[in-house]
Every structure is written in C-alpha cells, then in structure tokens.
C-alpha cells in the first residue's frame, strides 16, 4: 500500500511529499510494516503497487500528476527496482502479470490506446497484442475466465470486444442496450462473467455473460418507479468556437415542447482524462418528471476520443474547454430546448472551475451557475495538499512561460 508520512500536528494544508510503498502482514501491527519503495530524489511522485500472480515479480506505477506514468519492476528476491517503461509522457496501466509476461494498456505510440505484452526476462521484447483503434478509445481491459474484454468508447458509448491473450478477436459483445458497460468480472478458468449496463434512463442492470457462446442473460434488474420508455435520449454533435464537433446527450420526457421555456440542467467536466459516458441519476429523473431537460456535454479535456481529445483541453488549450461548454449552451438555446434565463450549468472540482470560468466569460448566457468544490485559485492551488499533482493538467504560476 502507498502512504505519506503522518503530518505534523496542526498542519492540514501543506504539500503531500515523499510517498512510500509498504508491505503489511495481516495480523501484525502497522508499525512493523516493511518499506518496499521510496524515491528521495523526487518528492512529488506517487505510487501504485502490484504483484504478479505467482508472486515472482513486483511492480510500481509511478506518476507525477494525474496523467503520465512509468512502470518500475523487480523480482521479489531482488532489492532494487528498475525502470521498465520510462518517462511520464504516456500512460501505462498493468492488466495482467503471469508466466513472466506483463500485459499493459498504454497510449505509447497510440493516442487511442493499445495492449502490449512485455517479456520480463527480456524487456526489450515488446509485442502488440491489441492494436490501436484509429477511431475509438480503448477505455478498459478486464480479464474474466481465460479472455480479455476490451471496452471501447464510441462517441461516449460502450462497445465491447472479446479477445484471447494472444490478441485473437473472438467476437464483438452484443450488448442488450446502448449505454455504459462495466465490470466483466470473473476468475481465471471460469466460463462466465458478469457486467453492468446503464444509461440515462436505466439504472445499473447486471447481466451474466457466457464466455463460450457470447450470450448475455439478465441477472439482476433494480425495481424503479418510472417507465424508461417515457423518456427520449438524443445525442447531438454541435460546433465549438474553433470548428470542433463536440457530442452532447440531451434527455427529456416524451412530448416535451421545444419552445424555449423549459428549465435545463447542463453538466460537464472537461479535464483529467475523465470521460462522461451515460449513467443513471435519480435526481435527473425527478428533474425531467417536472418538465426539465437534462444535458451532458463531452468536452475536450476528457478521454472520449483518446489522448488527443484530452490534450486539446489542457494547459494552454484550456480555453477550448470553456468554449466547448459555452457552445453547448448556445446550441440548447438556439434549438429552443431552453432559454438563458432557464439554463443552469453545473460541474464539480475541475468542473467547478469550468462553471466559474464560463460564468465570468459569459454571464449573459446562464440563469443559474453551480460550481461545486471548484478549483478557483489557479495561482496557488499547487501549493497545498495534493494540488501539485494537477500541474500536468493546468500548468503552474511558478513556471514563467506557463504563467505568461
């Protein structure tokens, strides 16, 4: 496990520095935990640890912010870690480590991500197992039974494919509905997996998936006191200030008049590689039952279209995110879903910054602005707690070029 040292008494806002990785034995006091890794040369790095299935190999994923990572490795019998995948310009996620082979989801030379396999005894040997999809972003790779399930985002909606561990495509999974699929959990050797599927009008529903036949059967559906078929979900693609096409989901009750008089709630995030795929929100259902229009915009800064979409909304490109959000509001007003007086915008954390910036730039466009826990002090945010980890996304006022 990873942890920082206990802060000094009475100090609550200083920077978190020098994270360490420890090994804990159940039943023993934490004070006897064994230090596995620390980096005295780089105080502003944090670490995630994992171990191969046979316990032979240890891995550390090191990061200097919310994106970008490198992977360190060593045998359990060795004392020092070595760098396996260097640098922080790319993202690497360990999928599986077994039989001296490491499977990694990475955007190295692949902005939409791919899966590679590394021979840990000869790490210069890297094989491409699942190549990059030029259009859709590889979001999640799970490992039920003896297979890989690769979940892609296609216009912010799930498409799932089943592969063997050599990268042979078994089949595309026929999902029971359009929406967000997740899970596909199952132990090695098992013949079935379980996954959840949700969208804006359907609560998370669990399905059993037969790994041999590809058949999905309903396992558990929550009981809800409303009819999903009474609602309409649209996905539109509007044009942002620089001509970029941006997707947005619009959900409302059937029969709603588009006359510009409807209250509208527009939500977005726009940063840190966070993708906003369809999800069920009971509060949104209540809002729509009262005649409201519920909207989610997939702004740049997220990962809906891979790393290039993310980089188009970070650092000196951050204004693109605000422009995307403003253009979403203008689209809703122009197409008479709502009016500026009845339009509310909302977001939290980085989304709170988004709302605050748009409120300042276009106060005429919104009737209500809800910036929840927004990152508002952009000159000093990095000086407190874990704020330094966001510098890769926002930049820093301490950097003369970025500040200018």
Foldseek 3Di string as FASTA:
>chain_A
DKDAPDDDPPDDWFAGWWIWDWADDPPDDPVPIHTQDTDPVGTQKTWDKDAAPVRQKIKIWIANFLAFTWIWMDTPPDRDIDTLGDDGPKHWDWAHADPQKTWIWICPVAQLTFIWIARNVHRVDIGTQGDHDQWWHFDDWHQAAQWIWTWTFDLQWTWIWIGGPNNHTPGTQDDPDIWHKDFQDHDYNDQKGKIWGFFALAATFIWIAGNVPSDTDGDGGDDDDDDSVQKDKDWDWFQFPVGDTWIKIKMAGPPQDLAAAAAEEEEEQAASQAGDIGHYDVVVVVSRVVRYMYMYIGQQRHQRGGNVSNVCCFQVNVVSRLRSSLRVLVVSNVRRVHAQLRYEYEYEASRLCSQVVNCVVCVVRHNYYYRHPYPPCQACQCRTYSSSSCCVGYNYCVDVVSVD
